[in-house]
Amino acid sequence: MNMTFYEYLNSRRVKKAEELLYNTKEMSITDVAMGSGFSSMSTFNRTFKMIKRCSPSDYRKIRQQAYEPEG
């Protein structure tokens, strides 16, 4: 798969953001963005949505609902 360095870097950053969104419920979306290497919220939101096809907050909600034990 051919990709530019910029595309590779953003894919790694979004992967890190995915982990933080799922594993750290107490972290704000802003903290997740900064913790995954983005320095701009608008860039983080745009890039995350382009790669994952949903916003970071929607991703967190979807993942948490999918793995909540029913009871």
C-alpha atoms as a PDB file:
ATOM      1  CA  MET A   1       0.000   0.000   0.000  1.00  0.00           C
ATOM      2  CA  ASN A   2       1.573   3.256  -1.120  1.00  0.00           C
ATOM      3  CA  MET A   3       1.059   6.266   1.087  1.00  0.00           C
ATOM      4  CA  THR A   4       2.894   9.473   1.744  1.00  0.00           C
ATOM      5  CA  PHE A   5       4.718  10.079   4.995  1.00  0.00           C
ATOM      6  CA  TYR A   6       1.982  12.531   5.978  1.00  0.00           C
ATOM      7  CA  GLU A   7      -0.735   9.916   5.382  1.00  0.00           C
ATOM      8  CA  TYR A   8       1.246   7.309   7.333  1.00  0.00           C
ATOM      9  CA  LEU A   9       1.792   9.707  10.225  1.00  0.00           C
ATOM     10  CA  ASN A  10      -1.891  10.601  10.405  1.00  0.00           C
ATOM     11  CA  SER A  11      -2.925   6.945  10.262  1.00  0.00           C
ATOM     12  CA  ARG A  12      -0.634   6.201  13.225  1.00  0.00           C
ATOM     13  CA  ARG A  13      -1.987   9.196  15.129  1.00  0.00           C
ATOM     14  CA  VAL A  14      -5.590   8.142  14.522  1.00  0.00           C
ATOM     15  CA  LYS A  15      -4.752   4.585  15.643  1.00  0.00           C
ATOM     16  CA  LYS A  16      -3.358   6.007  18.895  1.00  0.00           C
ATOM     17  CA  ALA A  17      -6.460   8.184  19.273  1.00  0.00           C
ATOM     18  CA  GLU A  18      -8.662   5.086  18.841  1.00  0.00           C
ATOM     19  CA  GLU A  19      -6.832   3.380  21.709  1.00  0.00           C
ATOM     20  CA  LEU A  20      -7.121   6.441  23.947  1.00  0.00           C
ATOM     21  CA  LEU A  21     -10.811   6.947  23.154  1.00  0.00           C
ATOM     22  CA  TYR A  22     -11.593   3.353  24.071  1.00  0.00           C
ATOM     23  CA  ASN A  23      -9.265   2.813  27.021  1.00  0.00           C
ATOM     24  CA  THR A  24      -9.441   6.169  28.809  1.00  0.00           C
ATOM     25  CA  LYS A  25     -13.023   7.184  29.383  1.00  0.00           C
ATOM     26  CA  GLU A  26     -11.968  10.037  31.649  1.00  0.00           C
ATOM     27  CA  MET A  27      -9.848  11.738  28.960  1.00  0.00           C
ATOM     28  CA  SER A  28     -11.496  14.584  27.089  1.00  0.00           C
ATOM     29  CA  ILE A  29     -11.525  14.570  23.290  1.00  0.00           C
ATOM     30  CA  THR A  30      -9.073  17.490  23.390  1.00  0.00           C
ATOM     31  CA  ASP A  31      -6.684  15.499  25.597  1.00  0.00           C
ATOM     32  CA  VAL A  32      -6.999  12.526  23.241  1.00  0.00           C
ATOM     33  CA  ALA A  33      -6.157  14.762  20.272  1.00  0.00           C
ATOM     34  CA  MET A  34      -3.101  16.226  21.973  1.00  0.00           C
ATOM     35  CA  GLY A  35      -2.068  12.819  23.361  1.00  0.00           C
ATOM     36  CA  SER A  36      -2.102  11.278  19.909  1.00  0.00           C
ATOM     37  CA  GLY A  37       0.091  13.936  18.342  1.00  0.00           C
ATOM     38  CA  PHE A  38      -2.336  16.478  16.912  1.00  0.00           C
ATOM     39  CA  SER A  39      -1.781  20.127  17.768  1.00  0.00           C
ATOM     40  CA  SER A  40      -5.075  21.361  16.324  1.00  0.00           C
ATOM     41  CA  MET A  41      -8.582  20.183  17.203  1.00  0.00           C
ATOM     42  CA  SER A  42      -9.905  21.027  13.748  1.00  0.00           C
ATOM     43  CA  THR A  43      -7.159  18.949  12.106  1.00  0.00           C
ATOM     44  CA  PHE A  44      -7.765  16.096  14.542  1.00  0.00           C
ATOM     45  CA  ASN A  45     -11.520  16.071  13.923  1.00  0.00           C
ATOM     46  CA  ARG A  46     -11.152  16.340  10.153  1.00  0.00           C
ATOM     47  CA  THR A  47      -8.467  13.640   9.932  1.00  0.00           C
ATOM     48  CA  PHE A  48     -10.212  11.254  12.335  1.00  0.00           C
ATOM     49  CA  LYS A  49     -13.504  11.601  10.462  1.00  0.00           C
ATOM     50  CA  MET A  50     -11.812  11.087   7.088  1.00  0.00           C
ATOM     51  CA  ILE A  51     -10.136   7.848   8.245  1.00  0.00           C
ATOM     52  CA  LYS A  52     -12.807   6.383  10.574  1.00  0.00           C
ATOM     53  CA  ARG A  53     -15.949   7.804   8.898  1.00  0.00           C
ATOM     54  CA  CYS A  54     -17.273   9.168  12.200  1.00  0.00           C
ATOM     55  CA  SER A  55     -16.338  11.839  14.719  1.00  0.00           C
ATOM     56  CA  PRO A  56     -14.101  10.998  17.697  1.00  0.00           C
ATOM     57  CA  SER A  57     -16.983  11.427  20.154  1.00  0.00           C
ATOM     58  CA  ASP A  58     -19.266   9.201  18.054  1.00  0.00           C
ATOM     59  CA  TYR A  59     -16.485   6.610  17.838  1.00  0.00           C
ATOM     60  CA  ARG A  60     -16.159   6.575  21.631  1.00  0.00           C
ATOM     61  CA  LYS A  61     -19.927   6.156  22.085  1.00  0.00           C
ATOM     62  CA  ILE A  62     -20.153   3.378  19.490  1.00  0.00           C
ATOM     63  CA  ARG A  63     -17.217   1.453  20.952  1.00  0.00           C
ATOM     64  CA  GLN A  64     -18.461   1.759  24.518  1.00  0.00           C
ATOM     65  CA  GLN A  65     -21.975   0.629  23.563  1.00  0.00           C
ATOM     66  CA  ALA A  66     -20.617  -2.312  21.600  1.00  0.00           C
ATOM     67  CA  TYR A  67     -18.624  -3.614  24.562  1.00  0.00           C
ATOM     68  CA  GLU A  68     -20.919  -2.827  27.471  1.00  0.00           C
ATOM     69  CA  PRO A  69     -22.128  -5.985  29.161  1.00  0.00           C
ATOM     70  CA  GLU A  70     -25.872  -6.408  28.893  1.00  0.00           C
ATOM     71  CA  GLY A  71     -27.679  -6.951  32.068  1.00  0.00           C
END
